[in-house]
Amino acid sequence: MTREAIRLVVEKGDRLVAWLKDQREERGLTMRDLALLLSVPHSFIGKVEQAERRLDVVEFLTYCEALNVSPVDGLKVINPAL
């Protein structure tokens, strides 16, 4: 993978994480609240939102379900053609 390709992947990941954080905040949830909904330590949410930890596909779907948002809407943030 070229440096440019890596940069684009990182940029898309950052936009998706920002969207997830915005969705959490729009619902008035703290990181601790979301952690309780997901049955994970609150540090997990912090690591995701600080881009220290990436979500796999199943985790992304579960995260969206806990936030009551469409995962497709999140994917459209990184690929508007969907």
N, C-alpha and C. Protein backbone atom coordinates (compact mmCIF):
# COMPACT_ATOMS: atom_id res chain seq x y z
N MET A 1 0.85 -1.17 0.00
CA MET A 1 0.00 0.00 0.00
C MET A 1 0.90 1.24 0.00
N THR A 2 0.58 2.18 -0.85
CA THR A 2 1.39 3.40 -0.93
C THR A 2 1.11 4.31 0.26
N ARG A 3 1.97 5.26 0.47
CA ARG A 3 1.76 6.23 1.55
C ARG A 3 0.46 6.99 1.35
N GLU A 4 0.16 7.33 0.10
CA GLU A 4 -1.08 8.06 -0.19
C GLU A 4 -2.29 7.20 0.15
N ALA A 5 -2.25 5.94 -0.18
CA ALA A 5 -3.35 5.04 0.11
C ALA A 5 -3.53 4.90 1.62
N ILE A 6 -2.43 4.79 2.34
CA ILE A 6 -2.49 4.69 3.80
C ILE A 6 -3.09 5.97 4.39
N ARG A 7 -2.66 7.11 3.86
CA ARG A 7 -3.19 8.40 4.34
C ARG A 7 -4.70 8.47 4.14
N LEU A 8 -5.18 8.00 2.98
CA LEU A 8 -6.61 8.03 2.71
C LEU A 8 -7.38 7.11 3.64
N VAL A 9 -6.83 5.94 3.93
CA VAL A 9 -7.48 5.01 4.86
C VAL A 9 -7.57 5.62 6.26
N VAL A 10 -6.50 6.22 6.70
CA VAL A 10 -6.48 6.86 8.02
C VAL A 10 -7.48 8.00 8.07
N GLU A 11 -7.52 8.80 7.01
CA GLU A 11 -8.45 9.93 6.95
C GLU A 11 -9.90 9.45 7.01
N LYS A 12 -10.22 8.41 6.29
CA LYS A 12 -11.58 7.86 6.32
C LYS A 12 -11.92 7.32 7.70
N GLY A 13 -10.97 6.63 8.32
CA GLY A 13 -11.18 6.13 9.67
C GLY A 13 -11.44 7.26 10.66
N ASP A 14 -10.69 8.34 10.52
CA ASP A 14 -10.89 9.50 11.39
C ASP A 14 -12.27 10.11 11.21
N ARG A 15 -12.74 10.18 9.96
CA ARG A 15 -14.08 10.74 9.70
C ARG A 15 -15.17 9.83 10.29
N LEU A 16 -14.98 8.53 10.19
CA LEU A 16 -15.96 7.60 10.74
C LEU A 16 -16.01 7.69 12.27
N VAL A 17 -14.85 7.78 12.89
CA VAL A 17 -14.79 7.91 14.35
C VAL A 17 -15.43 9.22 14.79
N ALA A 18 -15.18 10.30 14.07
CA ALA A 18 -15.79 11.59 14.40
C ALA A 18 -17.31 11.50 14.30
N TRP A 19 -17.80 10.78 13.29
CA TRP A 19 -19.24 10.59 13.14
C TRP A 19 -19.81 9.81 14.32
N LEU A 20 -19.13 8.74 14.72
CA LEU A 20 -19.60 7.96 15.86
C LEU A 20 -19.64 8.81 17.13
N LYS A 21 -18.61 9.60 17.35
CA LYS A 21 -18.57 10.46 18.53
C LYS A 21 -19.70 11.49 18.47
N ASP A 22 -19.92 12.09 17.31
CA ASP A 22 -21.01 13.06 17.15
C ASP A 22 -22.35 12.41 17.46
N GLN A 23 -22.55 11.18 16.98
CA GLN A 23 -23.81 10.47 17.24
C GLN A 23 -24.00 10.23 18.73
N ARG A 24 -22.93 9.85 19.40
CA ARG A 24 -23.01 9.63 20.85
C ARG A 24 -23.39 10.92 21.56
N GLU A 25 -22.69 12.00 21.21
CA GLU A 25 -22.93 13.28 21.87
C GLU A 25 -24.33 13.83 21.57
N GLU A 26 -24.81 13.65 20.32
CA GLU A 26 -26.15 14.11 19.95
C GLU A 26 -27.23 13.40 20.77
N ARG A 27 -26.93 12.21 21.23
CA ARG A 27 -27.89 11.45 22.04
C ARG A 27 -27.72 11.72 23.53
N GLY A 28 -26.81 12.61 23.85
CA GLY A 28 -26.59 12.98 25.25
C GLY A 28 -25.94 11.89 26.07
N LEU A 29 -25.22 11.00 25.41
CA LEU A 29 -24.56 9.90 26.12
C LEU A 29 -23.11 10.25 26.44
N THR A 30 -22.69 9.91 27.63
CA THR A 30 -21.28 10.03 27.97
C THR A 30 -20.58 8.76 27.47
N MET A 31 -19.26 8.78 27.50
CA MET A 31 -18.52 7.57 27.14
C MET A 31 -18.89 6.44 28.10
N ARG A 32 -19.08 6.77 29.36
CA ARG A 32 -19.46 5.74 30.34
C ARG A 32 -20.84 5.16 30.02
N ASP A 33 -21.79 6.04 29.62
CA ASP A 33 -23.12 5.55 29.26
C ASP A 33 -23.05 4.56 28.10
N LEU A 34 -22.31 4.93 27.07
CA LEU A 34 -22.19 4.05 25.91
C LEU A 34 -21.48 2.76 26.28
N ALA A 35 -20.46 2.87 27.11
CA ALA A 35 -19.74 1.68 27.56
C ALA A 35 -20.68 0.71 28.27
N LEU A 36 -21.57 1.24 29.08
CA LEU A 36 -22.54 0.38 29.77
C LEU A 36 -23.46 -0.32 28.77
N LEU A 37 -23.91 0.43 27.76
CA LEU A 37 -24.78 -0.16 26.74
C LEU A 37 -24.07 -1.28 25.97
N LEU A 38 -22.77 -1.12 25.78
CA LEU A 38 -21.99 -2.11 25.03
C LEU A 38 -21.35 -3.18 25.92
N SER A 39 -21.48 -3.01 27.22
CA SER A 39 -20.86 -3.93 28.18
C SER A 39 -19.34 -4.02 27.98
N VAL A 40 -18.73 -2.85 27.83
CA VAL A 40 -17.28 -2.75 27.69
C VAL A 40 -16.77 -1.71 28.69
N PRO A 41 -15.49 -1.72 29.00
CA PRO A 41 -14.94 -0.67 29.86
C PRO A 41 -15.03 0.69 29.15
N HIS A 42 -15.22 1.76 29.92
CA HIS A 42 -15.31 3.08 29.28
C HIS A 42 -14.03 3.45 28.55
N SER A 43 -12.92 2.85 28.95
CA SER A 43 -11.66 3.12 28.26
C SER A 43 -11.70 2.64 26.81
N PHE A 44 -12.51 1.62 26.53
CA PHE A 44 -12.69 1.13 25.17
C PHE A 44 -13.25 2.24 24.29
N ILE A 45 -14.27 2.94 24.79
CA ILE A 45 -14.89 4.03 24.04
C ILE A 45 -13.87 5.15 23.82
N GLY A 46 -13.13 5.48 24.86
CA GLY A 46 -12.11 6.51 24.75
C GLY A 46 -11.06 6.17 23.71
N LYS A 47 -10.63 4.93 23.69
CA LYS A 47 -9.62 4.51 22.72
C LYS A 47 -10.16 4.56 21.29
N VAL A 48 -11.42 4.19 21.12
CA VAL A 48 -12.03 4.27 19.79
C VAL A 48 -12.10 5.73 19.36
N GLU A 49 -12.58 6.60 20.24
CA GLU A 49 -12.78 8.00 19.89
C GLU A 49 -11.47 8.77 19.73
N GLN A 50 -10.40 8.26 20.29
CA GLN A 50 -9.09 8.89 20.12
C GLN A 50 -8.29 8.21 19.01
N ALA A 51 -8.95 7.31 18.29
CA ALA A 51 -8.34 6.57 17.18
C ALA A 51 -7.12 5.76 17.63
N GLU A 52 -7.15 5.32 18.88
CA GLU A 52 -6.11 4.44 19.39
C GLU A 52 -6.48 2.98 19.15
N ARG A 53 -7.77 2.77 18.88
CA ARG A 53 -8.27 1.41 18.63
C ARG A 53 -9.28 1.47 17.51
N ARG A 54 -9.13 0.55 16.56
CA ARG A 54 -10.07 0.48 15.45
C ARG A 54 -11.13 -0.57 15.74
N LEU A 55 -12.32 -0.32 15.21
CA LEU A 55 -13.41 -1.28 15.36
C LEU A 55 -13.41 -2.25 14.19
N ASP A 56 -13.69 -3.50 14.47
CA ASP A 56 -13.91 -4.41 13.36
C ASP A 56 -15.37 -4.26 12.91
N VAL A 57 -15.77 -4.96 11.88
CA VAL A 57 -17.10 -4.79 11.30
C VAL A 57 -18.19 -5.13 12.31
N VAL A 58 -18.04 -6.22 13.03
CA VAL A 58 -19.06 -6.63 14.00
C VAL A 58 -19.14 -5.60 15.13
N GLU A 59 -18.01 -5.11 15.59
CA GLU A 59 -18.01 -4.08 16.64
C GLU A 59 -18.66 -2.80 16.14
N PHE A 60 -18.39 -2.41 14.89
CA PHE A 60 -19.00 -1.22 14.32
C PHE A 60 -20.52 -1.36 14.29
N LEU A 61 -21.01 -2.51 13.86
CA LEU A 61 -22.46 -2.74 13.83
C LEU A 61 -23.07 -2.69 15.23
N THR A 62 -22.40 -3.29 16.19
CA THR A 62 -22.87 -3.29 17.57
C THR A 62 -22.87 -1.88 18.14
N TYR A 63 -21.84 -1.13 17.85
CA TYR A 63 -21.70 0.27 18.29
C TYR A 63 -22.86 1.09 17.73
N CYS A 64 -23.15 0.93 16.44
CA CYS A 64 -24.25 1.64 15.80
C CYS A 64 -25.59 1.25 16.41
N GLU A 65 -25.75 -0.03 16.68
CA GLU A 65 -26.99 -0.52 17.29
C GLU A 65 -27.19 0.12 18.67
N ALA A 66 -26.13 0.20 19.45
CA ALA A 66 -26.23 0.81 20.79
C ALA A 66 -26.58 2.29 20.69
N LEU A 67 -26.12 2.95 19.63
CA LEU A 67 -26.43 4.36 19.42
C LEU A 67 -27.76 4.57 18.68
N ASN A 68 -28.36 3.47 18.24
CA ASN A 68 -29.61 3.51 17.48
C ASN A 68 -29.45 4.35 16.21
N VAL A 69 -28.36 4.09 15.48
CA VAL A 69 -28.10 4.76 14.21
C VAL A 69 -27.87 3.71 13.14
N SER A 70 -28.09 4.10 11.91
CA SER A 70 -27.87 3.19 10.79
C SER A 70 -26.38 3.12 10.46
N PRO A 71 -25.83 1.92 10.42
CA PRO A 71 -24.43 1.79 10.03
C PRO A 71 -24.20 2.30 8.60
N VAL A 72 -25.22 2.21 7.76
CA VAL A 72 -25.09 2.70 6.38
C VAL A 72 -24.84 4.22 6.39
N ASP A 73 -25.51 4.94 7.29
CA ASP A 73 -25.28 6.37 7.39
C ASP A 73 -23.82 6.67 7.74
N GLY A 74 -23.25 5.87 8.60
CA GLY A 74 -21.84 6.03 8.95
C GLY A 74 -20.94 5.73 7.78
N LEU A 75 -21.26 4.68 7.04
CA LEU A 75 -20.45 4.34 5.87
C LEU A 75 -20.54 5.39 4.78
N LYS A 76 -21.69 6.05 4.69
CA LYS A 76 -21.84 7.12 3.71
C LYS A 76 -20.95 8.32 4.03
N VAL A 77 -20.57 8.45 5.29
CA VAL A 77 -19.64 9.51 5.67
C VAL A 77 -18.29 9.31 4.98
N ILE A 78 -17.90 8.05 4.81
CA ILE A 78 -16.60 7.78 4.17
C ILE A 78 -16.75 7.40 2.69
N ASN A 79 -17.97 7.07 2.27
CA ASN A 79 -18.20 6.75 0.87
C ASN A 79 -19.61 7.20 0.48
N PRO A 80 -19.77 8.47 0.09
CA PRO A 80 -21.09 9.01 -0.24
C PRO A 80 -21.82 8.27 -1.36
N ALA A 81 -21.11 7.50 -2.15
CA ALA A 81 -21.74 6.77 -3.26
C ALA A 81 -22.61 5.61 -2.81
N LEU A 82 -22.54 5.23 -1.55
CA LEU A 82 -23.34 4.09 -1.07
C LEU A 82 -24.82 4.42 -1.05
